Amino acid sequence: MIKSVIKNEIYMSARYIKEHELSENGVCIVGLNRVAEYLKATSEYLGEGAPLFPSASQVSGTFTKLWYVLEEGNYDEADLQAAISLCEKQNAGLIAIILLSNIKPNDTIQKYAEMELLTVMDERLGRLRALLSGHKNISALFFDRIFGADFDCLHLAEICKEAQDDRTVTVAQDMANRYTSALYLPDAVDAVYTVSKLGREGNVYNASSFYLSEYELRSEIYAMLARHGVKLNVTGESSPPVYAAISNGKLKSLGYENVCGFSDALRYTLLNHLERFSIQTDRIHDGYSGKLNALRAIEKDMLREIDRICRAHDIKYFISYGTMLGAVRHGGFIPWDDDVDVAMLRAEFEKFRQIAPKELNARFSYESHVNGNGYHYFFDRITAKDTYFASKYSDGYEMPKGISVDIFVVDSVPADPKAAYRFWKGLMRRRLLMNVRWKNTARRGKAYLLSKLLLPILRLRSMDGYSKAYEKAVRKYEHRDTGWVMPASSDHKYRGTFPIETFDQVIPYRFDDVDTFIPVGYEAFLKAWYTDNYMDMLPLSEQNPFHDYYRLDVGSSLEPESDIHFDYSGELR
């Protein structure tokens, strides 16, 4: 668990650095502490490979920047002087990254700015300031107290132990007036990159992420654990305010921002300490108003129905994409996934499309462009009646909306990889035009002007006509024995082609409590779709549902015996 938290923090730092174009080459790092190690790990993740030395006297090679990490009350003056001399010799910049242990409390000033901090903490920082002043190309970066992974300035381990042992989170009333600030570890790393790339020489910067009271911190933890039976214990009396915090306004003026909100940062950090509580799962459930399990139950019912029809008519199908990955890696749903996908080779799919609408349980409907009901996705689907599921994407289109299982087709493609790629590109261009016509409004972004010019011409043809033409195009090689296939209509990213032997045989495979099938070549497919490391978990910050949903309504599924049914095109009809 700890390794996954650390991996996530490095990933978040690296993503921020890439997005803000802050990468730095020619850097070397000096420091005998965990912050220096995190800087090195992030540099390696980014492919920069900044070397780490325990002291300036051991630095070898040339560099353009030196990041010297030291603790305010525990540093070697001679080694710091050696670092300064080394930078002056190589005409390199030096950033002194100063780890603060505690901020001097104050009953009036809420957050100290840079020079204020130096003033009130002169007895601890005065000598350090004197050592750094007056030299060329030097900047200083003060780090607030750090939390995250194996840093615990917020005493989370102590709070979590209390919650585990006593099933209680204690909040003293005077905590409401005890204010602090703290620096989340990924933000700390990004602060270094920001100052290194955009900071002004000779300047001092404060790095801090969040400002809050101890009461707010413990209340947030309690809110996460209350559903697990943890109680809140309020004690004591209120007291006058006490502040011990620093401001990061100067750093923010360089464009610096947090990698995530405090609630998410706290949740990721708590995973180090909370062994009994599934916080990550709870966060995802909240995203669906607590209906994720109900949604999955309906999807599994539809999967069972697909399986029943296919077995009865000897139709080969298999679970695919995230459903396949979930079955292989988790034995069922990926913990943060919200849908079910199945796929078939073209010949099997055409049999299923003919049979399924006639044999489906009355609870379900078959959606396809051939039904003439306004559905124009590039795949068919089984939908649960009396439900409604609209994502941010689907909400913009007029079509039947409900909890569904998507049915994808694996089509024949040219054996020559270059020809197969051109075939796929042609399909993507068709899809782009069809999406503009279907939504019936100009696209945003780079394609706005072109789509606005094309839309009047596109409107000359009906969506049914576009869907028929698209299906004809995707089936171009249907009756040619090329020996190669791809799920041509399923994704906007090119993943290559597969020999037909990857999918032409299926084997039984359990998905949660549903008996289903998986293709014999599932390993090759998963590697192509999710990289060779498909068995590795995503970073915690990426473990989010794929669909950005607007509305989820499970309707009569809440009361399966109910006689009430809904028409979601007009709910009171």
Protein backbone atom coordinates (compact mmCIF):
# COMPACT_ATOMS: atom_id res chain seq x y z
CA MET A 1 0.00 0.00 0.00
CA ILE A 2 2.76 2.45 0.93
CA LYS A 3 4.51 1.81 -2.38
CA SER A 4 1.32 2.65 -4.29
CA VAL A 5 0.95 5.92 -2.38
CA ILE A 6 4.54 6.93 -3.11
CA LYS A 7 4.10 5.95 -6.76
CA ASN A 8 1.00 8.12 -6.94
CA GLU A 9 2.76 11.14 -5.46
CA ILE A 10 5.65 10.88 -7.90
CA TYR A 11 3.16 10.43 -10.75
CA MET A 12 1.18 13.55 -9.73
CA SER A 13 4.35 15.62 -9.49
CA ALA A 14 5.57 14.44 -12.89
CA ARG A 15 2.20 15.06 -14.53
CA TYR A 16 2.14 18.61 -13.19
CA ILE A 17 5.69 19.27 -14.38
CA LYS A 18 4.87 17.98 -17.87
CA GLU A 19 1.62 19.95 -18.13
CA HIS A 20 3.33 23.18 -17.04
CA GLU A 21 6.46 22.53 -19.14
CA LEU A 22 8.81 22.80 -16.14
CA SER A 23 11.21 19.97 -16.97
CA GLU A 24 14.84 20.76 -16.12
CA ASN A 25 17.97 19.16 -17.50
CA GLY A 26 21.49 19.68 -16.22
CA VAL A 27 20.38 19.58 -12.58
CA CYS A 28 22.14 17.86 -9.71
CA ILE A 29 20.68 17.37 -6.24
CA VAL A 30 22.46 17.46 -2.91
CA GLY A 31 20.93 16.28 0.34
CA LEU A 32 20.77 13.48 2.87
CA ASN A 33 17.00 13.44 3.37
CA ARG A 34 13.78 12.04 1.90
CA VAL A 35 12.89 15.25 0.05
CA ALA A 36 16.11 14.99 -1.95
CA GLU A 37 15.26 11.35 -2.70
CA TYR A 38 11.79 12.33 -3.95
CA LEU A 39 13.28 14.98 -6.21
CA LYS A 40 15.61 12.36 -7.68
CA ALA A 41 12.76 9.83 -8.10
CA THR A 42 10.62 12.41 -9.92
CA SER A 43 13.54 13.36 -12.15
CA GLU A 44 14.03 9.69 -13.05
CA TYR A 45 10.30 9.27 -13.76
CA LEU A 46 10.52 12.24 -16.15
CA GLY A 47 13.59 10.76 -17.85
CA GLU A 48 15.86 13.62 -16.74
CA GLY A 49 18.09 11.54 -14.49
CA ALA A 50 19.33 14.24 -12.11
CA PRO A 51 22.10 12.72 -9.94
CA LEU A 52 21.84 12.81 -6.15
CA PHE A 53 24.88 13.42 -3.93
CA PRO A 54 24.95 13.26 -0.13
CA SER A 55 27.14 16.35 0.09
CA ALA A 56 28.52 19.13 -2.09
CA SER A 57 32.05 17.84 -1.56
CA GLN A 58 31.05 14.65 -3.40
CA VAL A 59 29.51 16.32 -6.46
CA SER A 60 31.15 15.30 -9.71
CA GLY A 61 30.56 16.42 -13.28
CA THR A 62 29.09 19.62 -14.64
CA PHE A 63 25.63 21.04 -14.04
CA THR A 64 23.59 24.18 -14.68
CA LYS A 65 21.45 24.05 -11.50
CA LEU A 66 22.15 22.69 -8.04
CA TRP A 67 19.24 21.93 -5.73
CA TYR A 68 20.64 21.85 -2.20
CA VAL A 69 18.16 20.39 0.31
CA LEU A 70 18.85 21.12 3.97
CA GLU A 71 17.00 21.19 7.27
CA GLU A 72 16.83 24.54 9.02
CA GLY A 73 18.54 23.36 12.23
CA ASN A 74 20.63 20.53 10.86
CA TYR A 75 23.11 21.43 8.15
CA ASP A 76 26.84 21.61 7.61
CA GLU A 77 27.91 25.24 7.07
CA ALA A 78 31.16 24.17 5.43
CA ASP A 79 29.34 21.93 2.96
CA LEU A 80 26.86 24.69 2.12
CA GLN A 81 29.78 27.04 1.47
CA ALA A 82 31.32 24.35 -0.76
CA ALA A 83 28.07 24.16 -2.74
CA ILE A 84 28.02 27.94 -3.19
CA SER A 85 31.66 27.96 -4.35
CA LEU A 86 31.00 25.06 -6.73
CA CYS A 87 28.06 26.89 -8.31
CA GLU A 88 30.07 30.09 -8.71
CA LYS A 89 32.89 28.11 -10.32
CA GLN A 90 30.52 26.48 -12.83
CA ASN A 91 28.40 29.65 -13.22
CA ALA A 92 25.42 27.55 -12.16
CA GLY A 93 22.28 28.50 -10.27
CA LEU A 94 21.75 27.31 -6.71
CA ILE A 95 18.40 26.82 -5.02
CA ALA A 96 18.67 26.37 -1.27
CA ILE A 97 15.63 24.26 -0.33
CA ILE A 98 15.16 24.82 3.39
CA LEU A 99 12.95 22.37 5.29
CA LEU A 100 11.21 24.12 8.19
CA SER A 101 10.34 22.06 11.25
CA ASN A 102 7.82 24.38 12.90
CA ILE A 103 6.56 27.87 12.27
CA LYS A 104 6.73 30.31 15.16
CA PRO A 105 3.14 30.79 16.46
CA ASN A 106 1.48 34.21 16.49
CA ASP A 107 -1.87 35.39 17.83
CA THR A 108 -2.34 38.11 15.19
CA ILE A 109 -0.59 37.36 11.90
CA GLN A 110 -2.35 34.49 10.17
CA LYS A 111 0.29 33.68 7.53
CA TYR A 112 3.87 34.91 7.28
CA ALA A 113 5.23 36.17 3.97
CA GLU A 114 8.87 35.52 3.07
CA MET A 115 10.59 38.47 4.79
CA GLU A 116 8.19 38.26 7.75
CA LEU A 117 9.18 34.65 8.21
CA LEU A 118 12.87 35.54 8.22
CA THR A 119 12.15 38.27 10.77
CA VAL A 120 10.14 36.25 13.31
CA MET A 121 12.38 33.20 12.99
CA ASP A 122 15.65 35.10 13.00
CA GLU A 123 17.17 32.97 15.76
CA ARG A 124 16.73 29.88 13.55
CA LEU A 125 17.21 31.36 10.07
CA GLY A 126 19.49 34.32 10.63
CA ARG A 127 22.77 32.45 10.20
CA LEU A 128 21.46 30.63 7.14
CA ARG A 129 20.36 33.89 5.56
CA ALA A 130 23.83 35.34 6.14
CA LEU A 131 25.48 32.37 4.44
CA LEU A 132 23.26 32.67 1.34
CA SER A 133 23.25 36.47 0.98
CA GLY A 134 25.47 38.33 -1.46
CA HIS A 135 26.33 35.41 -3.71
CA LYS A 136 25.60 35.09 -7.43
CA ASN A 137 22.67 33.06 -8.84
CA ILE A 138 21.25 31.95 -5.48
CA SER A 139 17.56 31.61 -4.59
CA ALA A 140 15.99 30.23 -1.43
CA LEU A 141 12.84 28.13 -1.10
CA PHE A 142 11.31 27.63 2.34
CA PHE A 143 9.33 24.40 2.66
CA ASP A 144 6.38 24.34 5.02
CA ARG A 145 5.95 21.23 7.15
CA ILE A 146 5.42 18.32 4.75
CA PHE A 147 2.72 15.65 4.74
CA GLY A 148 2.21 12.73 2.38
CA ALA A 149 3.30 9.09 2.10
CA ASP A 150 6.00 8.73 4.77
CA PHE A 151 5.83 12.36 5.98
CA ASP A 152 3.46 12.98 8.89
CA CYS A 153 3.52 16.58 10.14
CA LEU A 154 -0.28 16.37 10.57
CA HIS A 155 0.01 13.40 12.96
CA LEU A 156 -2.24 11.28 10.80
CA ALA A 157 -0.78 8.01 12.09
CA GLU A 158 -1.75 8.96 15.63
CA ILE A 159 -5.28 9.97 14.60
CA CYS A 160 -5.75 6.80 12.55
CA LYS A 161 -4.49 4.58 15.39
CA GLU A 162 -7.05 6.21 17.67
CA ALA A 163 -9.76 5.55 15.09
CA GLN A 164 -8.73 1.91 14.72
CA ASP A 165 -8.29 1.20 18.42
CA ASP A 166 -11.12 3.24 19.96
CA ARG A 167 -13.38 3.68 16.91
CA THR A 168 -13.25 7.39 17.76
CA VAL A 169 -11.87 10.64 16.38
CA THR A 170 -11.40 13.19 19.17
CA VAL A 171 -11.82 16.90 18.48
CA ALA A 172 -10.93 19.42 21.19
CA GLN A 173 -12.87 22.66 20.94
CA ASP A 174 -9.73 24.78 21.08
CA MET A 175 -8.59 23.09 17.82
CA ALA A 176 -11.04 25.35 15.97
CA ASN A 177 -8.75 28.28 16.77
CA ARG A 178 -5.41 26.56 16.20
CA TYR A 179 -4.41 27.25 12.63
CA THR A 180 -1.59 25.73 10.66
CA SER A 181 -0.35 25.32 7.11
CA ALA A 182 1.26 22.33 5.48
CA LEU A 183 2.91 21.32 2.22
CA TYR A 184 1.75 18.24 0.31
CA LEU A 185 4.75 16.27 -0.95
CA PRO A 186 3.92 16.42 -4.70
CA ASP A 187 3.41 20.18 -4.32
CA ALA A 188 6.83 20.40 -2.67
CA VAL A 189 8.51 18.76 -5.65
CA ASP A 190 6.61 20.96 -8.09
CA ALA A 191 7.57 24.07 -6.13
CA VAL A 192 11.25 23.28 -6.71
CA TYR A 193 10.70 22.86 -10.44
CA THR A 194 8.65 26.07 -10.57
CA VAL A 195 11.28 28.18 -8.82
CA SER A 196 14.08 26.54 -10.78
CA LYS A 197 12.39 27.31 -14.10
CA LEU A 198 10.54 30.57 -13.41
CA GLY A 199 11.90 32.03 -10.17
CA ARG A 200 14.03 35.14 -9.96
CA GLU A 201 17.61 34.91 -8.81
CA GLY A 202 18.24 36.29 -5.34
CA ASN A 203 14.59 35.86 -4.35
CA VAL A 204 13.09 33.91 -1.46
CA TYR A 205 9.88 31.88 -1.86
CA ASN A 206 7.55 30.11 0.56
CA ALA A 207 6.12 26.74 -0.51
CA SER A 208 2.86 25.78 1.20
CA SER A 209 -0.25 23.92 0.02
CA PHE A 210 -3.07 24.21 2.54
CA TYR A 211 -4.14 26.43 5.41
CA LEU A 212 -6.59 25.03 7.94
CA SER A 213 -7.41 24.58 11.59
CA GLU A 214 -6.72 21.36 13.46
CA TYR A 215 -10.50 21.10 13.88
CA GLU A 216 -11.01 21.13 10.10
CA LEU A 217 -8.39 18.43 9.67
CA ARG A 218 -9.90 16.06 12.23
CA SER A 219 -13.44 16.78 11.02
CA GLU A 220 -12.42 15.83 7.49
CA ILE A 221 -10.96 12.54 8.74
CA TYR A 222 -14.08 11.85 10.79
CA ALA A 223 -16.31 12.51 7.77
CA MET A 224 -14.36 9.86 5.86
CA LEU A 225 -14.61 7.27 8.64
CA ALA A 226 -18.11 7.88 10.02
CA ARG A 227 -19.66 5.34 7.64
CA HIS A 228 -17.30 2.73 9.08
CA GLY A 229 -18.71 3.15 12.57
CA VAL A 230 -16.14 5.65 13.86
CA LYS A 231 -17.60 8.18 16.28
CA LEU A 232 -16.74 11.81 16.99
CA ASN A 233 -15.69 12.81 20.51
CA VAL A 234 -15.72 16.56 21.28
CA THR A 235 -13.86 17.71 24.38
CA GLY A 236 -12.59 20.82 26.18
CA GLU A 237 -13.30 24.52 25.81
CA SER A 238 -12.61 27.06 23.11
CA SER A 239 -9.54 29.29 23.25
CA PRO A 240 -8.13 32.44 21.57
CA PRO A 241 -6.70 31.95 18.09
CA VAL A 242 -3.13 30.86 17.50
CA TYR A 243 -1.59 30.93 14.02
CA ALA A 244 1.48 29.07 12.78
CA ALA A 245 1.42 29.27 9.00
CA ILE A 246 3.15 30.71 5.95
CA SER A 247 1.70 32.14 2.76
CA ASN A 248 2.62 31.08 -0.77
CA GLY A 249 1.35 34.13 -2.67
CA LYS A 250 4.75 34.92 -4.14
CA LEU A 251 5.15 31.36 -5.44
CA LYS A 252 1.62 31.45 -6.88
CA SER A 253 2.56 34.60 -8.80
CA LEU A 254 4.83 32.31 -10.87
CA GLY A 255 1.78 30.25 -11.89
CA TYR A 256 2.20 27.65 -9.16
CA GLU A 257 -0.90 25.72 -8.03
CA ASN A 258 -1.69 22.59 -6.02
CA VAL A 259 -1.79 19.22 -7.77
CA CYS A 260 -5.11 18.39 -6.05
CA GLY A 261 -7.51 19.59 -3.36
CA PHE A 262 -6.95 18.98 0.33
CA SER A 263 -9.57 16.23 0.61
CA ASP A 264 -7.91 14.16 -2.10
CA ALA A 265 -4.41 14.79 -0.73
CA LEU A 266 -5.58 13.72 2.71
CA ARG A 267 -7.24 10.58 1.39
CA TYR A 268 -4.15 9.48 -0.53
CA THR A 269 -2.00 10.08 2.54
CA LEU A 270 -4.38 8.23 4.88
CA LEU A 271 -3.93 5.07 2.83
CA ASN A 272 -0.58 4.69 4.57
CA HIS A 273 -2.28 4.40 7.93
CA LEU A 274 -5.82 3.14 7.43
CA GLU A 275 -5.77 -0.62 6.96
CA ARG A 276 -9.35 -1.30 7.98
CA PHE A 277 -11.10 1.37 5.94
CA SER A 278 -11.59 1.31 2.16
CA ILE A 279 -11.45 5.07 1.66
CA GLN A 280 -10.74 4.91 -2.07
CA THR A 281 -13.81 2.77 -2.75
CA ASP A 282 -15.98 5.10 -0.69
CA ARG A 283 -14.81 8.11 -2.68
CA ILE A 284 -15.87 6.43 -5.90
CA HIS A 285 -19.23 5.39 -4.48
CA ASP A 286 -19.87 8.99 -3.51
CA GLY A 287 -19.35 9.93 -7.16
CA TYR A 288 -22.48 7.94 -8.04
CA SER A 289 -24.51 9.03 -5.04
CA GLY A 290 -24.02 5.57 -3.54
CA LYS A 291 -25.56 3.84 -6.57
CA LEU A 292 -22.45 2.22 -8.07
CA ASN A 293 -23.32 -1.24 -6.72
CA ALA A 294 -26.90 -0.91 -8.03
CA LEU A 295 -25.56 0.12 -11.45
CA ARG A 296 -23.17 -2.84 -11.53
CA ALA A 297 -25.90 -5.28 -10.51
CA ILE A 298 -28.04 -4.16 -13.47
CA GLU A 299 -25.06 -4.44 -15.83
CA LYS A 300 -24.32 -7.98 -14.61
CA ASP A 301 -27.96 -8.93 -15.22
CA MET A 302 -27.58 -7.76 -18.81
CA LEU A 303 -24.30 -9.65 -19.15
CA ARG A 304 -26.04 -12.81 -17.96
CA GLU A 305 -28.74 -12.22 -20.55
CA ILE A 306 -26.18 -11.79 -23.33
CA ASP A 307 -24.46 -14.96 -22.16
CA ARG A 308 -27.77 -16.86 -22.12
CA ILE A 309 -28.67 -15.87 -25.68
CA CYS A 310 -25.18 -16.56 -27.04
CA ARG A 311 -24.99 -20.00 -25.44
CA ALA A 312 -28.46 -20.91 -26.72
CA HIS A 313 -27.52 -20.00 -30.30
CA ASP A 314 -23.84 -21.00 -30.31
CA ILE A 315 -22.64 -17.43 -30.74
CA LYS A 316 -19.06 -16.72 -29.67
CA TYR A 317 -18.65 -13.57 -27.63
CA PHE A 318 -16.17 -12.36 -25.05
CA ILE A 319 -15.85 -9.67 -22.41
CA SER A 320 -13.54 -6.90 -23.59
CA TYR A 321 -11.62 -3.72 -22.72
CA GLY A 322 -11.92 -2.70 -19.07
CA THR A 323 -14.21 -5.65 -18.34
CA MET A 324 -11.56 -8.05 -19.62
CA LEU A 325 -8.85 -6.26 -17.65
CA GLY A 326 -11.02 -6.29 -14.53
CA ALA A 327 -11.67 -10.03 -14.82
CA VAL A 328 -7.97 -10.81 -15.28
CA ARG A 329 -6.55 -8.38 -12.72
CA HIS A 330 -9.35 -8.15 -10.13
CA GLY A 331 -11.64 -11.11 -10.76
CA GLY A 332 -14.48 -8.70 -11.63
CA PHE A 333 -15.00 -4.98 -11.94
CA ILE A 334 -11.99 -2.71 -11.80
CA PRO A 335 -12.69 -1.02 -8.44
CA TRP A 336 -13.27 2.38 -10.05
CA ASP A 337 -14.96 1.17 -13.28
CA ASP A 338 -18.63 1.66 -14.02
CA ASP A 339 -19.43 -0.25 -17.21
CA VAL A 340 -19.38 -3.63 -18.94
CA ASP A 341 -18.13 -4.23 -22.49
CA VAL A 342 -18.48 -7.32 -24.67
CA ALA A 343 -17.23 -7.94 -28.19
CA MET A 344 -17.67 -10.36 -31.08
CA LEU A 345 -16.14 -11.07 -34.45
CA ARG A 346 -18.27 -9.62 -37.25
CA ALA A 347 -19.97 -12.88 -38.30
CA GLU A 348 -20.94 -13.69 -34.69
CA PHE A 349 -22.15 -10.15 -34.12
CA GLU A 350 -24.45 -10.21 -37.15
CA LYS A 351 -26.11 -13.38 -35.82
CA PHE A 352 -26.50 -11.78 -32.40
CA ARG A 353 -27.96 -8.57 -33.86
CA GLN A 354 -30.66 -10.61 -35.60
CA ILE A 355 -31.54 -12.82 -32.64
CA ALA A 356 -31.09 -10.68 -29.53
CA PRO A 357 -33.89 -8.11 -30.09
CA LYS A 358 -36.41 -10.96 -30.32
CA GLU A 359 -35.18 -12.93 -27.32
CA LEU A 360 -34.15 -10.31 -24.81
CA ASN A 361 -35.84 -10.28 -21.44
CA ALA A 362 -38.62 -7.67 -21.36
CA ARG A 363 -36.55 -5.63 -18.88
CA PHE A 364 -34.03 -4.83 -21.60
CA SER A 365 -34.01 -3.23 -25.05
CA TYR A 366 -31.63 -3.51 -27.99
CA GLU A 367 -30.17 -0.21 -29.20
CA SER A 368 -28.71 0.12 -32.68
CA HIS A 369 -28.81 2.57 -35.56
CA VAL A 370 -30.80 -0.05 -37.48
CA ASN A 371 -33.73 0.51 -35.06
CA GLY A 372 -34.34 4.03 -36.32
CA ASN A 373 -34.76 5.43 -32.78
CA GLY A 374 -32.08 8.09 -32.89
CA TYR A 375 -29.22 5.91 -31.63
CA HIS A 376 -26.06 6.48 -33.67
CA TYR A 377 -23.09 5.26 -31.65
CA PHE A 378 -20.56 3.16 -33.56
CA PHE A 379 -21.50 0.04 -31.60
CA ASP A 380 -24.75 -1.56 -30.45
CA ARG A 381 -25.81 -1.90 -26.83
CA ILE A 382 -28.23 -3.61 -24.51
CA THR A 383 -30.05 -1.10 -22.29
CA ALA A 384 -32.02 -1.59 -19.10
CA LYS A 385 -35.49 -0.10 -19.34
CA ASP A 386 -36.67 2.06 -16.44
CA THR A 387 -33.15 3.47 -16.02
CA TYR A 388 -31.40 6.64 -17.12
CA PHE A 389 -27.66 7.20 -17.40
CA ALA A 390 -26.30 10.34 -19.04
CA SER A 391 -22.62 11.25 -19.08
CA LYS A 392 -21.22 14.67 -19.92
CA TYR A 393 -20.64 13.37 -23.45
CA SER A 394 -23.89 11.52 -24.09
CA ASP A 395 -26.04 14.27 -22.58
CA GLY A 396 -25.38 16.39 -25.66
CA TYR A 397 -27.03 13.90 -28.03
CA GLU A 398 -30.66 13.03 -28.62
CA MET A 399 -30.87 9.25 -28.19
CA PRO A 400 -32.13 6.58 -25.79
CA LYS A 401 -30.19 6.84 -22.53
CA GLY A 402 -30.05 4.14 -19.89
CA ILE A 403 -27.71 1.83 -18.01
CA SER A 404 -26.27 -0.37 -20.72
CA VAL A 405 -23.74 -2.95 -21.87
CA ASP A 406 -21.80 -1.98 -25.00
CA ILE A 407 -21.35 -4.54 -27.79
CA PHE A 408 -18.29 -3.98 -29.95
CA VAL A 409 -17.34 -5.64 -33.21
CA VAL A 410 -13.93 -6.96 -34.23
CA ASP A 411 -13.66 -6.46 -38.00
CA SER A 412 -11.33 -7.72 -40.70
CA VAL A 413 -8.63 -5.29 -41.82
CA PRO A 414 -5.80 -5.35 -44.38
CA ALA A 415 -2.83 -7.58 -43.55
CA ASP A 416 -0.40 -4.77 -44.37
CA PRO A 417 -0.02 -2.62 -41.19
CA LYS A 418 0.27 0.63 -43.15
CA ALA A 419 -2.88 -0.13 -45.13
CA ALA A 420 -4.68 -1.09 -41.90
CA TYR A 421 -3.67 2.22 -40.35
CA ARG A 422 -4.95 4.18 -43.37
CA PHE A 423 -8.21 2.21 -43.15
CA TRP A 424 -8.55 3.13 -39.47
CA LYS A 425 -7.75 6.80 -40.14
CA GLY A 426 -10.48 6.90 -42.77
CA LEU A 427 -12.98 5.56 -40.27
CA MET A 428 -11.94 8.17 -37.69
CA ARG A 429 -12.52 10.97 -40.19
CA ARG A 430 -16.01 9.61 -40.88
CA ARG A 431 -16.69 9.45 -37.14
CA LEU A 432 -15.62 13.05 -36.68
CA LEU A 433 -18.03 14.27 -39.34
CA MET A 434 -20.82 12.07 -38.00
CA ASN A 435 -20.37 13.44 -34.48
CA VAL A 436 -20.64 17.02 -35.77
CA ARG A 437 -23.81 16.14 -37.71
CA TRP A 438 -25.35 14.17 -34.85
CA LYS A 439 -24.78 16.86 -32.23
CA ASN A 440 -25.84 19.38 -34.88
CA THR A 441 -23.59 22.13 -33.57
CA ALA A 442 -20.03 23.25 -34.28
CA ARG A 443 -17.29 21.56 -32.26
CA ARG A 444 -15.30 23.55 -29.73
CA GLY A 445 -11.57 24.15 -29.91
CA LYS A 446 -9.36 23.83 -32.99
CA ALA A 447 -12.08 22.26 -35.17
CA TYR A 448 -14.65 24.99 -34.46
CA LEU A 449 -14.31 27.00 -37.66
CA LEU A 450 -14.06 23.97 -39.96
CA SER A 451 -17.03 22.22 -38.36
CA LYS A 452 -19.10 25.41 -38.54
CA LEU A 453 -18.39 25.67 -42.27
CA LEU A 454 -19.16 21.99 -42.90
CA LEU A 455 -22.32 21.73 -40.80
CA PRO A 456 -24.77 23.18 -43.40
CA ILE A 457 -23.47 20.65 -45.93
CA LEU A 458 -23.56 17.77 -43.46
CA ARG A 459 -27.21 18.54 -42.64
CA LEU A 460 -28.18 17.63 -46.22
CA ARG A 461 -27.92 13.97 -45.22
CA SER A 462 -29.81 12.19 -42.43
CA MET A 463 -28.03 10.53 -39.51
CA ASP A 464 -29.48 7.18 -40.56
CA GLY A 465 -27.74 7.64 -43.91
CA TYR A 466 -24.42 8.41 -42.22
CA SER A 467 -24.71 5.37 -39.94
CA LYS A 468 -25.45 3.04 -42.85
CA ALA A 469 -22.52 4.43 -44.84
CA TYR A 470 -20.21 4.09 -41.85
CA GLU A 471 -21.18 0.47 -41.26
CA LYS A 472 -20.62 -0.28 -44.92
CA ALA A 473 -17.16 1.27 -44.68
CA VAL A 474 -16.16 -0.62 -41.53
CA ARG A 475 -17.25 -3.91 -43.16
CA LYS A 476 -15.15 -3.33 -46.27
CA TYR A 477 -12.92 -6.38 -45.65
CA GLU A 478 -15.62 -8.57 -44.13
CA HIS A 479 -15.50 -11.25 -46.83
CA ARG A 480 -11.77 -11.10 -47.47
CA ASP A 481 -9.58 -13.65 -45.77
CA THR A 482 -6.90 -11.21 -44.62
CA GLY A 483 -6.15 -13.11 -41.41
CA TRP A 484 -6.00 -9.81 -39.48
CA VAL A 485 -8.60 -7.94 -37.41
CA MET A 486 -9.04 -4.94 -35.13
CA PRO A 487 -11.86 -3.41 -33.05
CA ALA A 488 -11.99 -0.68 -35.67
CA SER A 489 -14.89 1.32 -34.25
CA SER A 490 -14.13 1.23 -30.57
CA ASP A 491 -11.47 3.81 -29.81
CA HIS A 492 -9.90 7.03 -31.09
CA LYS A 493 -6.38 5.76 -30.44
CA TYR A 494 -4.69 3.39 -32.85
CA ARG A 495 -3.67 0.17 -31.09
CA GLY A 496 -2.50 -1.91 -34.04
CA THR A 497 -3.97 -5.05 -35.57
CA PHE A 498 -4.27 -8.62 -34.31
CA PRO A 499 -4.09 -12.01 -36.01
CA ILE A 500 -7.60 -13.43 -36.13
CA GLU A 501 -6.44 -16.32 -33.93
CA THR A 502 -6.44 -13.84 -31.03
CA PHE A 503 -10.24 -13.84 -30.96
CA ASP A 504 -11.61 -16.77 -32.97
CA GLN A 505 -11.65 -19.09 -29.96
CA VAL A 506 -13.01 -18.23 -26.53
CA ILE A 507 -12.58 -19.88 -23.15
CA PRO A 508 -14.79 -19.78 -20.03
CA TYR A 509 -13.83 -17.04 -17.60
CA ARG A 510 -15.51 -15.81 -14.44
CA PHE A 511 -16.41 -12.13 -14.11
CA ASP A 512 -17.38 -11.54 -10.50
CA ASP A 513 -20.31 -13.97 -10.07
CA VAL A 514 -21.12 -14.21 -13.79
CA ASP A 515 -20.04 -17.08 -16.06
CA THR A 516 -18.73 -15.57 -19.26
CA PHE A 517 -15.97 -15.93 -21.88
CA ILE A 518 -12.62 -14.41 -22.74
CA PRO A 519 -10.63 -14.77 -26.02
CA VAL A 520 -7.71 -17.18 -26.07
CA GLY A 521 -5.39 -14.31 -27.03
CA TYR A 522 -6.47 -12.03 -24.21
CA GLU A 523 -2.91 -11.39 -23.02
CA ALA A 524 -1.86 -9.96 -26.40
CA PHE A 525 -4.97 -7.80 -26.48
CA LEU A 526 -4.45 -6.44 -22.97
CA LYS A 527 -0.80 -5.64 -23.70
CA ALA A 528 -1.77 -3.73 -26.84
CA TRP A 529 -4.56 -1.84 -25.10
CA TYR A 530 -3.05 -1.22 -21.66
CA THR A 531 0.73 -1.74 -22.19
CA ASP A 532 2.87 -4.69 -21.10
CA ASN A 533 2.30 -3.62 -17.50
CA TYR A 534 -1.46 -4.08 -17.63
CA MET A 535 -1.41 -5.95 -14.31
CA ASP A 536 -0.06 -2.85 -12.54
CA MET A 537 -2.57 -0.60 -10.83
CA LEU A 538 -3.01 2.98 -12.00
CA PRO A 539 -1.77 5.72 -9.68
CA LEU A 540 -4.38 6.43 -7.00
CA SER A 541 -5.17 9.85 -8.44
CA GLU A 542 -6.11 8.21 -11.75
CA GLN A 543 -8.41 5.61 -10.20
CA ASN A 544 -11.58 7.41 -11.21
CA PRO A 545 -14.69 6.32 -13.15
CA PHE A 546 -14.34 6.72 -16.90
CA HIS A 547 -17.70 8.45 -17.35
CA ASP A 548 -18.23 12.00 -16.13
CA TYR A 549 -21.89 11.40 -15.40
CA TYR A 550 -24.61 14.03 -15.15
CA ARG A 551 -27.51 11.87 -14.12
CA LEU A 552 -27.90 8.30 -12.92
CA ASP A 553 -31.42 7.02 -12.22
CA VAL A 554 -31.88 3.31 -11.46
CA GLY A 555 -35.67 3.75 -11.47
CA SER A 556 -37.73 0.73 -10.47
CA SER A 557 -34.57 -1.29 -9.85
CA LEU A 558 -34.60 0.18 -6.34
CA GLU A 559 -37.82 -1.79 -5.75
CA PRO A 560 -37.70 -4.81 -8.10
CA GLU A 561 -41.25 -5.89 -7.22
CA SER A 562 -42.74 -2.49 -7.97
CA ASP A 563 -45.47 -2.20 -10.60
CA ILE A 564 -44.39 1.35 -11.42
CA HIS A 565 -42.57 1.81 -14.71
CA PHE A 566 -41.18 4.93 -16.26
CA ASP A 567 -40.95 6.42 -19.70
CA TYR A 568 -37.86 8.58 -19.45
CA SER A 569 -38.77 10.53 -22.55
CA GLY A 570 -41.58 11.98 -20.42
CA GLU A 571 -41.57 10.53 -16.93
CA LEU A 572 -45.23 11.20 -16.05
CA ARG A 573 -46.75 9.93 -19.29
